[in-house]
PDB file of N, CA and C in Angstrom:
ATOM      1  N   UNK A   1      86.982  64.475 195.513  1.00  0.00           N
ATOM      2  CA  UNK A   1      87.631  65.656 195.019  1.00  0.00           C
ATOM      3  C   UNK A   1      88.471  66.268 196.122  1.00  0.00           C
ATOM      4  N   UNK A   2      89.608  66.774 195.753  1.00  0.00           N
ATOM      5  CA  UNK A   2      90.521  67.341 196.737  1.00  0.00           C
ATOM      6  C   UNK A   2      90.517  68.870 196.747  1.00  0.00           C
ATOM      7  N   UNK A   3      89.978  69.480 195.726  1.00  0.00           N
ATOM      8  CA  UNK A   3      90.055  70.930 195.606  1.00  0.00           C
ATOM      9  C   UNK A   3      88.701  71.586 195.663  1.00  0.00           C
ATOM     10  N   UNK A   4      88.493  72.542 194.766  1.00  0.00           N
ATOM     11  CA  UNK A   4      87.241  73.296 194.746  1.00  0.00           C
ATOM     12  C   UNK A   4      86.563  73.137 193.395  1.00  0.00           C
ATOM     13  N   UNK A   5      85.293  73.435 193.367  1.00  0.00           N
ATOM     14  CA  UNK A   5      84.548  73.399 192.127  1.00  0.00           C
ATOM     15  C   UNK A   5      84.086  74.809 191.808  1.00  0.00           C
ATOM     16  N   UNK A   6      84.657  75.378 190.753  1.00  0.00           N
ATOM     17  CA  UNK A   6      84.238  76.697 190.279  1.00  0.00           C
ATOM     18  C   UNK A   6      83.155  76.498 189.234  1.00  0.00           C
ATOM     19  N   UNK A   7      82.259  77.465 189.140  1.00  0.00           N
ATOM     20  CA  UNK A   7      81.142  77.332 188.220  1.00  0.00           C
ATOM     21  C   UNK A   7      80.812  78.668 187.574  1.00  0.00           C
ATOM     22  N   UNK A   8      80.703  78.659 186.245  1.00  0.00           N
ATOM     23  CA  UNK A   8      80.338  79.888 185.531  1.00  0.00           C
ATOM     24  C   UNK A   8      78.852  79.920 185.174  1.00  0.00           C
ATOM     25  N   UNK A   9      78.093  78.917 185.590  1.00  0.00           N
ATOM     26  CA  UNK A   9      76.647  78.883 185.326  1.00  0.00           C
ATOM     27  C   UNK A   9      75.949  79.760 186.365  1.00  0.00           C
ATOM     28  N   UNK A  10      75.945  81.052 186.121  1.00  0.00           N
ATOM     29  CA  UNK A  10      75.448  82.017 187.104  1.00  0.00           C
ATOM     30  C   UNK A  10      73.962  81.876 187.396  1.00  0.00           C
ATOM     31  N   UNK A  11      73.210  81.223 186.515  1.00  0.00           N
ATOM     32  CA  UNK A  11      71.777  81.043 186.760  1.00  0.00           C
ATOM     33  C   UNK A  11      71.482  79.750 187.509  1.00  0.00           C
ATOM     34  N   UNK A  12      72.520  79.027 187.941  1.00  0.00           N
ATOM     35  CA  UNK A  12      72.320  77.770 188.670  1.00  0.00           C
ATOM     36  C   UNK A  12      72.033  78.054 190.139  1.00  0.00           C
ATOM     37  N   UNK A  13      71.096  77.316 190.695  1.00  0.00           N
ATOM     38  CA  UNK A  13      70.690  77.483 192.087  1.00  0.00           C
ATOM     39  C   UNK A  13      71.849  77.180 193.045  1.00  0.00           C
ATOM     40  N   UNK A  14      72.821  76.378 192.608  1.00  0.00           N
ATOM     41  CA  UNK A  14      73.954  76.018 193.449  1.00  0.00           C
ATOM     42  C   UNK A  14      75.132  76.980 193.329  1.00  0.00           C
ATOM     43  N   UNK A  15      75.052  77.950 192.414  1.00  0.00           N
ATOM     44  CA  UNK A  15      76.158  78.876 192.207  1.00  0.00           C
ATOM     45  C   UNK A  15      76.128  79.974 193.265  1.00  0.00           C
ATOM     46  N   UNK A  16      77.196  80.048 194.055  1.00  0.00           N
ATOM     47  CA  UNK A  16      77.328  81.068 195.090  1.00  0.00           C
ATOM     48  C   UNK A  16      78.583  81.881 194.778  1.00  0.00           C
ATOM     49  N   UNK A  17      78.399  82.958 194.054  1.00  0.00           N
ATOM     50  CA  UNK A  17      79.511  83.828 193.656  1.00  0.00           C
ATOM     51  C   UNK A  17      80.605  83.073 192.913  1.00  0.00           C
ATOM     52  N   UNK A  18      80.205  82.170 192.020  1.00  0.00           N
ATOM     53  CA  UNK A  18      81.161  81.443 191.198  1.00  0.00           C
ATOM     54  C   UNK A  18      81.684  80.159 191.808  1.00  0.00           C
ATOM     55  N   UNK A  19      81.226  79.826 192.996  1.00  0.00           N
ATOM     56  CA  UNK A  19      81.636  78.593 193.670  1.00  0.00           C
ATOM     57  C   UNK A  19      80.400  77.716 193.822  1.00  0.00           C
ATOM     58  N   UNK A  20      80.561  76.411 193.602  1.00  0.00           N
ATOM     59  CA  UNK A  20      79.425  75.500 193.727  1.00  0.00           C
ATOM     60  C   UNK A  20      79.124  75.242 195.192  1.00  0.00           C
ATOM     61  N   UNK A  21      77.877  75.457 195.577  1.00  0.00           N
ATOM     62  CA  UNK A  21      77.470  75.275 196.970  1.00  0.00           C
ATOM     63  C   UNK A  21      76.786  73.931 197.213  1.00  0.00           C
ATOM     64  N   UNK A  22      76.785  73.057 196.206  1.00  0.00           N
ATOM     65  CA  UNK A  22      76.188  71.731 196.380  1.00  0.00           C
ATOM     66  C   UNK A  22      77.125  70.856 197.198  1.00  0.00           C
ATOM     67  N   UNK A  23      76.564  69.940 197.911  1.00  0.00           N
ATOM     68  CA  UNK A  23      77.354  68.992 198.688  1.00  0.00           C
ATOM     69  C   UNK A  23      77.890  67.878 197.785  1.00  0.00           C
ATOM     70  N   UNK A  24      77.063  67.428 196.866  1.00  0.00           N
ATOM     71  CA  UNK A  24      77.442  66.395 195.902  1.00  0.00           C
ATOM     72  C   UNK A  24      76.965  66.833 194.531  1.00  0.00           C
ATOM     73  N   UNK A  25      77.814  66.697 193.526  1.00  0.00           N
ATOM     74  CA  UNK A  25      77.362  66.968 192.166  1.00  0.00           C
ATOM     75  C   UNK A  25      77.552  65.713 191.324  1.00  0.00           C
ATOM     76  N   UNK A  26      76.861  65.699 190.203  1.00  0.00           N
ATOM     77  CA  UNK A  26      76.874  64.550 189.306  1.00  0.00           C
ATOM     78  C   UNK A  26      77.238  65.037 187.909  1.00  0.00           C
ATOM     79  N   UNK A  27      78.343  64.524 187.382  1.00  0.00           N
ATOM     80  CA  UNK A  27      78.761  64.838 186.017  1.00  0.00           C
ATOM     81  C   UNK A  27      78.478  63.615 185.159  1.00  0.00           C
ATOM     82  N   UNK A  28      77.715  63.813 184.091  1.00  0.00           N
ATOM     83  CA  UNK A  28      77.421  62.713 183.165  1.00  0.00           C
ATOM     84  C   UNK A  28      78.310  62.833 181.935  1.00  0.00           C
ATOM     85  N   UNK A  29      78.302  61.791 181.137  1.00  0.00           N
ATOM     86  CA  UNK A  29      79.110  61.762 179.917  1.00  0.00           C
ATOM     87  C   UNK A  29      79.893  60.474 179.808  1.00  0.00           C
ATOM     88  N   UNK A  30      79.211  59.351 179.945  1.00  0.00           N
ATOM     89  CA  UNK A  30      79.864  58.038 179.963  1.00  0.00           C
ATOM     90  C   UNK A  30      80.796  57.858 178.774  1.00  0.00           C
ATOM     91  N   UNK A  31      80.350  58.229 177.594  1.00  0.00           N
ATOM     92  CA  UNK A  31      81.153  58.033 176.383  1.00  0.00           C
ATOM     93  C   UNK A  31      81.891  59.293 175.944  1.00  0.00           C
ATOM     94  N   UNK A  32      82.015  60.278 176.820  1.00  0.00           N
ATOM     95  CA  UNK A  32      82.631  61.558 176.457  1.00  0.00           C
ATOM     96  C   UNK A  32      84.106  61.404 176.079  1.00  0.00           C
ATOM     97  N   UNK A  33      84.488  62.155 175.047  1.00  0.00           N
ATOM     98  CA  UNK A  33      85.888  62.250 174.642  1.00  0.00           C
ATOM     99  C   UNK A  33      86.345  63.709 174.651  1.00  0.00           C
ATOM    100  N   UNK A  34      85.408  64.616 174.935  1.00  0.00           N
ATOM    101  CA  UNK A  34      85.686  66.054 175.020  1.00  0.00           C
ATOM    102  C   UNK A  34      84.800  66.638 176.120  1.00  0.00           C
ATOM    103  N   UNK A  35      85.196  67.765 176.645  1.00  0.00           N
ATOM    104  CA  UNK A  35      84.415  68.387 177.722  1.00  0.00           C
ATOM    105  C   UNK A  35      83.002  68.726 177.268  1.00  0.00           C
ATOM    106  N   UNK A  36      82.824  69.068 175.994  1.00  0.00           N
ATOM    107  CA  UNK A  36      81.508  69.422 175.474  1.00  0.00           C
ATOM    108  C   UNK A  36      80.528  68.251 175.537  1.00  0.00           C
ATOM    109  N   UNK A  37      81.035  67.048 175.709  1.00  0.00           N
ATOM    110  CA  UNK A  37      80.190  65.861 175.764  1.00  0.00           C
ATOM    111  C   UNK A  37      79.843  65.474 177.196  1.00  0.00           C
ATOM    112  N   UNK A  38      80.222  66.311 178.154  1.00  0.00           N
ATOM    113  CA  UNK A  38      79.873  66.084 179.555  1.00  0.00           C
ATOM    114  C   UNK A  38      78.754  67.053 179.939  1.00  0.00           C
ATOM    115  N   UNK A  39      78.145  66.823 181.080  1.00  0.00           N
ATOM    116  CA  UNK A  39      77.053  67.676 181.540  1.00  0.00           C
ATOM    117  C   UNK A  39      76.997  67.637 183.057  1.00  0.00           C
ATOM    118  N   UNK A  40      76.818  68.783 183.700  1.00  0.00           N
ATOM    119  CA  UNK A  40      76.603  68.830 185.141  1.00  0.00           C
ATOM    120  C   UNK A  40      75.118  68.571 185.370  1.00  0.00           C
ATOM    121  N   UNK A  41      74.797  67.371 185.814  1.00  0.00           N
ATOM    122  CA  UNK A  41      73.403  66.980 186.027  1.00  0.00           C
ATOM    123  C   UNK A  41      72.811  67.620 187.282  1.00  0.00           C
ATOM    124  N   UNK A  42      73.638  68.211 188.116  1.00  0.00           N
ATOM    125  CA  UNK A  42      73.171  68.867 189.335  1.00  0.00           C
ATOM    126  C   UNK A  42      72.645  70.267 189.031  1.00  0.00           C
ATOM    127  N   UNK A  43      72.960  70.777 187.848  1.00  0.00           N
ATOM    128  CA  UNK A  43      72.505  72.106 187.435  1.00  0.00           C
ATOM    129  C   UNK A  43      70.989  72.202 187.510  1.00  0.00           C
ATOM    130  N   UNK A  44      70.509  73.256 188.156  1.00  0.00           N
ATOM    131  CA  UNK A  44      69.092  73.610 188.213  1.00  0.00           C
ATOM    132  C   UNK A  44      69.009  75.129 188.213  1.00  0.00           C
ATOM    133  N   UNK A  45      68.128  75.681 187.405  1.00  0.00           N
ATOM    134  CA  UNK A  45      68.014  77.137 187.354  1.00  0.00           C
ATOM    135  C   UNK A  45      67.536  77.700 188.683  1.00  0.00           C
ATOM    136  N   UNK A  46      68.004  78.916 188.997  1.00  0.00           N
ATOM    137  CA  UNK A  46      67.598  79.588 190.231  1.00  0.00           C
ATOM    138  C   UNK A  46      66.099  79.826 190.229  1.00  0.00           C
ATOM    139  N   UNK A  47      65.521  79.730 191.393  1.00  0.00           N
ATOM    140  CA  UNK A  47      64.093  79.934 191.567  1.00  0.00           C
ATOM    141  C   UNK A  47      63.654  79.251 192.846  1.00  0.00           C
ATOM    142  N   UNK A  48      62.526  79.659 193.362  1.00  0.00           N
ATOM    143  CA  UNK A  48      62.029  79.133 194.635  1.00  0.00           C
ATOM    144  C   UNK A  48      61.828  77.620 194.594  1.00  0.00           C
ATOM    145  N   UNK A  49      61.176  77.127 193.554  1.00  0.00           N
ATOM    146  CA  UNK A  49      60.899  75.690 193.453  1.00  0.00           C
ATOM    147  C   UNK A  49      62.199  74.888 193.450  1.00  0.00           C
ATOM    148  N   UNK A  50      63.162  75.286 192.623  1.00  0.00           N
ATOM    149  CA  UNK A  50      64.428  74.559 192.551  1.00  0.00           C
ATOM    150  C   UNK A  50      65.253  74.731 193.819  1.00  0.00           C
ATOM    151  N   UNK A  51      65.162  75.888 194.467  1.00  0.00           N
ATOM    152  CA  UNK A  51      65.871  76.091 195.735  1.00  0.00           C
ATOM    153  C   UNK A  51      65.362  75.120 196.787  1.00  0.00           C
ATOM    154  N   UNK A  52      64.059  74.950 196.837  1.00  0.00           N
ATOM    155  CA  UNK A  52      63.469  74.029 197.810  1.00  0.00           C
ATOM    156  C   UNK A  52      63.804  72.574 197.490  1.00  0.00           C
ATOM    157  N   UNK A  53      63.795  72.233 196.204  1.00  0.00           N
ATOM    158  CA  UNK A  53      64.076  70.841 195.840  1.00  0.00           C
ATOM    159  C   UNK A  53      65.552  70.486 196.005  1.00  0.00           C
ATOM    160  N   UNK A  54      66.434  71.475 196.080  1.00  0.00           N
ATOM    161  CA  UNK A  54      67.862  71.226 196.235  1.00  0.00           C
ATOM    162  C   UNK A  54      68.358  71.418 197.659  1.00  0.00           C
ATOM    163  N   UNK A  55      67.471  71.706 198.591  1.00  0.00           N
ATOM    164  CA  UNK A  55      67.879  72.017 199.965  1.00  0.00           C
ATOM    165  C   UNK A  55      68.639  70.860 200.629  1.00  0.00           C
ATOM    166  N   UNK A  56      68.328  69.623 200.286  1.00  0.00           N
ATOM    167  CA  UNK A  56      69.006  68.484 200.901  1.00  0.00           C
ATOM    168  C   UNK A  56      70.423  68.279 200.361  1.00  0.00           C
ATOM    169  N   UNK A  57      70.752  68.952 199.258  1.00  0.00           N
ATOM    170  CA  UNK A  57      72.086  68.819 198.673  1.00  0.00           C
ATOM    171  C   UNK A  57      72.952  70.051 198.941  1.00  0.00           C
ATOM    172  N   UNK A  58      72.587  70.846 199.914  1.00  0.00           N
ATOM    173  CA  UNK A  58      73.361  72.053 200.239  1.00  0.00           C
ATOM    174  C   UNK A  58      74.568  71.694 201.100  1.00  0.00           C
ATOM    175  N   UNK A  59      75.695  72.290 200.780  1.00  0.00           N
ATOM    176  CA  UNK A  59      76.909  72.125 201.563  1.00  0.00           C
ATOM    177  C   UNK A  59      76.863  73.158 202.693  1.00  0.00           C
ATOM    178  N   UNK A  60      76.038  72.897 203.685  1.00  0.00           N
ATOM    179  CA  UNK A  60      75.763  73.862 204.745  1.00  0.00           C
ATOM    180  C   UNK A  60      77.022  74.241 205.517  1.00  0.00           C
ATOM    181  N   UNK A  61      77.826  73.268 205.892  1.00  0.00           N
ATOM    182  CA  UNK A  61      79.050  73.560 206.651  1.00  0.00           C
ATOM    183  C   UNK A  61      80.007  74.394 205.812  1.00  0.00           C
ATOM    184  N   UNK A  62      80.176  74.014 204.547  1.00  0.00           N
ATOM    185  CA  UNK A  62      81.045  74.780 203.653  1.00  0.00           C
ATOM    186  C   UNK A  62      80.542  76.193 203.444  1.00  0.00           C
ATOM    187  N   UNK A  63      79.217  76.361 203.287  1.00  0.00           N
ATOM    188  CA  UNK A  63      78.649  77.695 203.104  1.00  0.00           C
ATOM    189  C   UNK A  63      78.853  78.549 204.346  1.00  0.00           C
ATOM    190  N   UNK A  64      78.665  77.956 205.511  1.00  0.00           N
ATOM    191  CA  UNK A  64      78.849  78.681 206.771  1.00  0.00           C
ATOM    192  C   UNK A  64      80.305  79.137 206.911  1.00  0.00           C
ATOM    193  N   UNK A  65      81.251  78.234 206.649  1.00  0.00           N
ATOM    194  CA  UNK A  65      82.678  78.583 206.727  1.00  0.00           C
ATOM    195  C   UNK A  65      83.034  79.661 205.707  1.00  0.00           C
ATOM    196  N   UNK A  66      82.442  79.563 204.511  1.00  0.00           N
ATOM    197  CA  UNK A  66      82.748  80.513 203.444  1.00  0.00           C
ATOM    198  C   UNK A  66      82.335  81.930 203.819  1.00  0.00           C
ATOM    199  N   UNK A  67      81.231  82.070 204.513  1.00  0.00           N
ATOM    200  CA  UNK A  67      80.752  83.393 204.924  1.00  0.00           C
ATOM    201  C   UNK A  67      81.766  84.093 205.815  1.00  0.00           C
ATOM    202  N   UNK A  68      82.443  83.316 206.655  1.00  0.00           N
ATOM    203  CA  UNK A  68      83.376  83.894 207.618  1.00  0.00           C
ATOM    204  C   UNK A  68      84.832  83.878 207.173  1.00  0.00           C
ATOM    205  N   UNK A  69      85.134  83.289 206.030  1.00  0.00           N
ATOM    206  CA  UNK A  69      86.517  83.225 205.573  1.00  0.00           C
ATOM    207  C   UNK A  69      86.589  83.520 204.082  1.00  0.00           C
ATOM    208  N   UNK A  70      86.787  84.782 203.739  1.00  0.00           N
ATOM    209  CA  UNK A  70      86.881  85.180 202.341  1.00  0.00           C
ATOM    210  C   UNK A  70      88.256  84.918 201.749  1.00  0.00           C
ATOM    211  N   UNK A  71      89.230  84.566 202.575  1.00  0.00           N
ATOM    212  CA  UNK A  71      90.589  84.369 202.095  1.00  0.00           C
ATOM    213  C   UNK A  71      90.835  82.965 201.549  1.00  0.00           C
ATOM    214  N   UNK A  72      89.932  82.043 201.811  1.00  0.00           N
ATOM    215  CA  UNK A  72      90.098  80.687 201.295  1.00  0.00           C
ATOM    216  C   UNK A  72      88.766  80.188 200.751  1.00  0.00           C
ATOM    217  N   UNK A  73      88.846  79.113 199.987  1.00  0.00           N
ATOM    218  CA  UNK A  73      87.647  78.505 199.425  1.00  0.00           C
ATOM    219  C   UNK A  73      87.285  77.305 200.297  1.00  0.00           C
ATOM    220  N   UNK A  74      86.129  77.355 200.911  1.00  0.00           N
ATOM    221  CA  UNK A  74      85.687  76.307 201.826  1.00  0.00           C
ATOM    222  C   UNK A  74      84.757  75.296 201.170  1.00  0.00           C
ATOM    223  N   UNK A  75      84.250  75.624 199.987  1.00  0.00           N
ATOM    224  CA  UNK A  75      83.345  74.722 199.289  1.00  0.00           C
ATOM    225  C   UNK A  75      84.146  73.630 198.595  1.00  0.00           C
ATOM    226  N   UNK A  76      83.838  72.407 198.840  1.00  0.00           N
ATOM    227  CA  UNK A  76      84.519  71.285 198.203  1.00  0.00           C
ATOM    228  C   UNK A  76      83.545  70.119 198.079  1.00  0.00           C
ATOM    229  N   UNK A  77      82.690  70.160 197.052  1.00  0.00           N
ATOM    230  CA  UNK A  77      81.677  69.113 196.924  1.00  0.00           C
ATOM    231  C   UNK A  77      82.273  67.778 196.501  1.00  0.00           C
ATOM    232  N   UNK A  78      81.563  66.727 196.807  1.00  0.00           N
ATOM    233  CA  UNK A  78      81.897  65.390 196.324  1.00  0.00           C
ATOM    234  C   UNK A  78      81.390  65.348 194.888  1.00  0.00           C
ATOM    235  N   UNK A  79      82.210  64.880 193.955  1.00  0.00           N
ATOM    236  CA  UNK A  79      81.810  64.847 192.558  1.00  0.00           C
ATOM    237  C   UNK A  79      81.731  63.412 192.059  1.00  0.00           C
ATOM    238  N   UNK A  80      80.505  63.004 191.801  1.00  0.00           N
ATOM    239  CA  UNK A  80      80.264  61.698 191.187  1.00  0.00           C
ATOM    240  C   UNK A  80      80.372  61.889 189.683  1.00  0.00           C
ATOM    241  N   UNK A  81      81.242  61.132 189.031  1.00  0.00           N
ATOM    242  CA  UNK A  81      81.517  61.357 187.608  1.00  0.00           C
ATOM    243  C   UNK A  81      81.370  60.079 186.802  1.00  0.00           C
ATOM    244  N   UNK A  82      80.593  60.171 185.733  1.00  0.00           N
ATOM    245  CA  UNK A  82      80.387  59.038 184.830  1.00  0.00           C
ATOM    246  C   UNK A  82      81.336  59.064 183.637  1.00  0.00           C
ATOM    247  N   UNK A  83      82.129  60.113 183.482  1.00  0.00           N
ATOM    248  CA  UNK A  83      83.014  60.256 182.322  1.00  0.00           C
ATOM    249  C   UNK A  83      84.218  59.327 182.482  1.00  0.00           C
ATOM    250  N   UNK A  84      84.023  58.059 182.095  1.00  0.00           N
ATOM    251  CA  UNK A  84      85.051  57.042 182.334  1.00  0.00           C
ATOM    252  C   UNK A  84      86.317  57.262 181.511  1.00  0.00           C
ATOM    253  N   UNK A  85      86.247  58.081 180.467  1.00  0.00           N
ATOM    254  CA  UNK A  85      87.421  58.361 179.643  1.00  0.00           C
ATOM    255  C   UNK A  85      88.263  59.510 180.196  1.00  0.00           C
ATOM    256  N   UNK A  86      87.852  60.096 181.289  1.00  0.00           N
ATOM    257  CA  UNK A  86      88.583  61.220 181.874  1.00  0.00           C
ATOM    258  C   UNK A  86      89.677  60.699 182.811  1.00  0.00           C
ATOM    259  N   UNK A  87      90.848  61.290 182.717  1.00  0.00           N
ATOM    260  CA  UNK A  87      91.969  60.820 183.545  1.00  0.00           C
ATOM    261  C   UNK A  87      91.782  61.135 185.026  1.00  0.00           C
ATOM    262  N   UNK A  88      90.861  62.036 185.367  1.00  0.00           N
ATOM    263  CA  UNK A  88      90.613  62.397 186.766  1.00  0.00           C
ATOM    264  C   UNK A  88      89.588  61.478 187.437  1.00  0.00           C
ATOM    265  N   UNK A  89      88.949  60.614 186.644  1.00  0.00           N
ATOM    266  CA  UNK A  89      87.905  59.729 187.150  1.00  0.00           C
ATOM    267  C   UNK A  89      88.533  58.474 187.759  1.00  0.00           C
ATOM    268  N   UNK A  90      88.234  58.250 189.018  1.00  0.00           N
ATOM    269  CA  UNK A  90      88.677  57.025 189.679  1.00  0.00           C
ATOM    270  C   UNK A  90      87.487  56.414 190.399  1.00  0.00           C
ATOM    271  N   UNK A  91      87.039  55.279 189.872  1.00  0.00           N
ATOM    272  CA  UNK A  91      85.882  54.577 190.420  1.00  0.00           C
ATOM    273  C   UNK A  91      84.656  55.487 190.523  1.00  0.00           C
ATOM    274  N   UNK A  92      84.419  56.260 189.458  1.00  0.00           N
ATOM    275  CA  UNK A  92      83.295  57.182 189.311  1.00  0.00           C
ATOM    276  C   UNK A  92      83.309  58.346 190.293  1.00  0.00           C
ATOM    277  N   UNK A  93      84.476  58.695 190.791  1.00  0.00           N
ATOM    278  CA  UNK A  93      84.661  59.903 191.593  1.00  0.00           C
ATOM    279  C   UNK A  93      85.732  60.758 190.928  1.00  0.00           C
ATOM    280  N   UNK A  94      85.529  62.058 190.935  1.00  0.00           N
ATOM    281  CA  UNK A  94      86.501  62.966 190.351  1.00  0.00           C
ATOM    282  C   UNK A  94      87.600  63.256 191.373  1.00  0.00           C
ATOM    283  N   UNK A  95      88.845  63.047 190.972  1.00  0.00           N
ATOM    284  CA  UNK A  95      89.978  63.292 191.860  1.00  0.00           C
ATOM    285  C   UNK A  95      90.835  64.467 191.403  1.00  0.00           C
ATOM    286  N   UNK A  96      90.314  65.287 190.497  1.00  0.00           N
ATOM    287  CA  UNK A  96      91.059  66.468 190.056  1.00  0.00           C
ATOM    288  C   UNK A  96      91.188  67.451 191.212  1.00  0.00           C
ATOM    289  N   UNK A  97      92.287  68.194 191.215  1.00  0.00           N
ATOM    290  CA  UNK A  97      92.521  69.149 192.301  1.00  0.00           C
ATOM    291  C   UNK A  97      91.484  70.270 192.290  1.00  0.00           C
ATOM    292  N   UNK A  98      91.216  70.835 191.140  1.00  0.00           N
ATOM    293  CA  UNK A  98      90.213  71.895 190.996  1.00  0.00           C
ATOM    294  C   UNK A  98      89.384  71.620 189.754  1.00  0.00           C
ATOM    295  N   UNK A  99      88.092  71.877 189.839  1.00  0.00           N
ATOM    296  CA  UNK A  99      87.167  71.590 188.746  1.00  0.00           C
ATOM    297  C   UNK A  99      86.495  72.891 188.301  1.00  0.00           C
ATOM    298  N   UNK A 100      86.243  72.991 186.995  1.00  0.00           N
ATOM    299  CA  UNK A 100      85.481  74.117 186.471  1.00  0.00           C
ATOM    300  C   UNK A 100      84.297  73.585 185.686  1.00  0.00           C
ATOM    301  N   UNK A 101      83.092  73.912 186.137  1.00  0.00           N
ATOM    302  CA  UNK A 101      81.885  73.637 185.363  1.00  0.00           C
ATOM    303  C   UNK A 101      81.594  74.932 184.620  1.00  0.00           C
ATOM    304  N   UNK A 102      81.461  74.809 183.326  1.00  0.00           N
ATOM    305  CA  UNK A 102      81.316  75.973 182.465  1.00  0.00           C
ATOM    306  C   UNK A 102      80.019  75.861 181.675  1.00  0.00           C
ATOM    307  N   UNK A 103      79.505  76.987 181.256  1.00  0.00           N
ATOM    308  CA  UNK A 103      78.326  77.008 180.396  1.00  0.00           C
ATOM    309  C   UNK A 103      78.788  76.638 178.993  1.00  0.00           C
ATOM    310  N   UNK A 104      78.104  75.695 178.378  1.00  0.00           N
ATOM    311  CA  UNK A 104      78.429  75.275 177.026  1.00  0.00           C
ATOM    312  C   UNK A 104      78.160  76.441 176.083  1.00  0.00           C
ATOM    313  N   UNK A 105      79.193  76.890 175.399  1.00  0.00           N
ATOM    314  CA  UNK A 105      79.086  78.058 174.537  1.00  0.00           C
ATOM    315  C   UNK A 105      78.012  77.859 173.472  1.00  0.00           C
ATOM    316  N   UNK A 106      77.155  78.866 173.337  1.00  0.00           N
ATOM    317  CA  UNK A 106      76.088  78.816 172.347  1.00  0.00           C
ATOM    318  C   UNK A 106      74.859  78.049 172.777  1.00  0.00           C
ATOM    319  N   UNK A 107      74.826  77.576 174.027  1.00  0.00           N
ATOM    320  CA  UNK A 107      73.681  76.769 174.457  1.00  0.00           C
ATOM    321  C   UNK A 107      72.460  77.618 174.787  1.00  0.00           C
ATOM    322  N   UNK A 108      72.662  78.908 174.953  1.00  0.00           N
ATOM    323  CA  UNK A 108      71.555  79.779 175.343  1.00  0.00           C
ATOM    324  C   UNK A 108      71.703  81.119 174.628  1.00  0.00           C
ATOM    325  N   UNK A 109      71.634  81.083 173.332  1.00  0.00           N
ATOM    326  CA  UNK A 109      71.905  82.270 172.523  1.00  0.00           C
ATOM    327  C   UNK A 109      70.861  83.366 172.708  1.00  0.00           C
ATOM    328  N   UNK A 110      69.575  83.015 172.729  1.00  0.00           N
ATOM    329  CA  UNK A 110      68.531  84.045 172.737  1.00  0.00           C
ATOM    330  C   UNK A 110      68.303  84.687 174.101  1.00  0.00           C
ATOM    331  N   UNK A 111      68.772  84.060 175.185  1.00  0.00           N
ATOM    332  CA  UNK A 111      68.653  84.601 176.549  1.00  0.00           C
ATOM    333  C   UNK A 111      67.214  84.932 176.940  1.00  0.00           C
ATOM    334  N   UNK A 112      66.252  84.182 176.402  1.00  0.00           N
ATOM    335  CA  UNK A 112      64.859  84.372 176.792  1.00  0.00           C
ATOM    336  C   UNK A 112      64.635  83.719 178.151  1.00  0.00           C
ATOM    337  N   UNK A 113      63.549  84.060 178.839  1.00  0.00           N
ATOM    338  CA  UNK A 113      63.280  83.437 180.138  1.00  0.00           C
ATOM    339  C   UNK A 113      63.136  81.917 180.064  1.00  0.00           C
ATOM    340  N   UNK A 114      62.798  81.380 178.902  1.00  0.00           N
ATOM    341  CA  UNK A 114      62.631  79.937 178.759  1.00  0.00           C
ATOM    342  C   UNK A 114      63.926  79.234 178.354  1.00  0.00           C
ATOM    343  N   UNK A 115      64.985  79.985 178.151  1.00  0.00           N
ATOM    344  CA  UNK A 115      66.252  79.428 177.720  1.00  0.00           C
ATOM    345  C   UNK A 115      66.935  78.710 178.884  1.00  0.00           C
ATOM    346  N   UNK A 116      67.300  77.458 178.681  1.00  0.00           N
ATOM    347  CA  UNK A 116      67.990  76.694 179.717  1.00  0.00           C
ATOM    348  C   UNK A 116      69.438  76.481 179.277  1.00  0.00           C
ATOM    349  N   UNK A 117      70.374  76.905 180.113  1.00  0.00           N
ATOM    350  CA  UNK A 117      71.783  76.745 179.791  1.00  0.00           C
ATOM    351  C   UNK A 117      72.188  75.286 179.911  1.00  0.00           C
ATOM    352  N   UNK A 118      73.127  74.876 179.087  1.00  0.00           N
ATOM    353  CA  UNK A 118      73.744  73.553 179.188  1.00  0.00           C
ATOM    354  C   UNK A 118      75.125  73.768 179.801  1.00  0.00           C
ATOM    355  N   UNK A 119      75.553  72.828 180.586  1.00  0.00           N
ATOM    356  CA  UNK A 119      76.837  72.953 181.250  1.00  0.00           C
ATOM    357  C   UNK A 119      77.770  71.833 180.816  1.00  0.00           C
ATOM    358  N   UNK A 120      79.049  72.017 181.077  1.00  0.00           N
ATOM    359  CA  UNK A 120      80.037  70.997 180.768  1.00  0.00           C
ATOM    360  C   UNK A 120      81.138  71.035 181.815  1.00  0.00           C
ATOM    361  N   UNK A 121      81.805  69.912 181.984  1.00  0.00           N
ATOM    362  CA  UNK A 121      82.951  69.863 182.874  1.00  0.00           C
ATOM    363  C   UNK A 121      84.176  70.261 182.067  1.00  0.00           C
ATOM    364  N   UNK A 122      84.622  71.485 182.268  1.00  0.00           N
ATOM    365  CA  UNK A 122      85.743  72.036 181.508  1.00  0.00           C
ATOM    366  C   UNK A 122      87.064  71.358 181.903  1.00  0.00           C
ATOM    367  N   UNK A 123      87.096  70.673 183.021  1.00  0.00           N
ATOM    368  CA  UNK A 123      88.310  70.024 183.522  1.00  0.00           C
ATOM    369  C   UNK A 123      88.522  68.662 182.863  1.00  0.00           C
ATOM    370  N   UNK A 124      87.527  68.182 182.136  1.00  0.00           N
ATOM    371  CA  UNK A 124      87.629  66.885 181.466  1.00  0.00           C
ATOM    372  C   UNK A 124      88.934  66.818 180.674  1.00  0.00           C
ATOM    373  N   UNK A 125      89.682  65.747 180.870  1.00  0.00           N
ATOM    374  CA  UNK A 125      90.940  65.536 180.169  1.00  0.00           C
ATOM    375  C   UNK A 125      91.017  64.049 179.823  1.00  0.00           C
ATOM    376  N   UNK A 126      90.921  63.750 178.538  1.00  0.00           N
ATOM    377  CA  UNK A 126      90.874  62.348 178.139  1.00  0.00           C
ATOM    378  C   UNK A 126      92.178  61.623 178.453  1.00  0.00           C
ATOM    379  N   UNK A 127      92.037  60.391 178.910  1.00  0.00           N
ATOM    380  CA  UNK A 127      93.214  59.579 179.251  1.00  0.00           C
ATOM    381  C   UNK A 127      93.949  59.159 178.006  1.00  0.00           C
TER     382      UNK A 127
END
């Protein structure tokens, strides 16, 4: 990936003020023909257990730079992508300039503590 990954999944452990703080993310959706058929597999709800289990995938250098530079976006994770029908996919890597992972609309209607949001790669663009 050459750009940044924005994320609207505010309950994700990797979401840092709308920017993905993961070092590597995984987008699934081998047979996807629409963004709704993709999923950010790196998504994990915020919490101590998930924070600890995701510590090895933290973009530490990017997070450190981001703290000291509010004028630019320093987070730029590597994106492994299975969506072979997407025009941004090259050899299972996303080459889009900027990516948006979005919450799948209607995936968490009741907003109960047990509700798990589903995510999608909003940047998906079929070839």
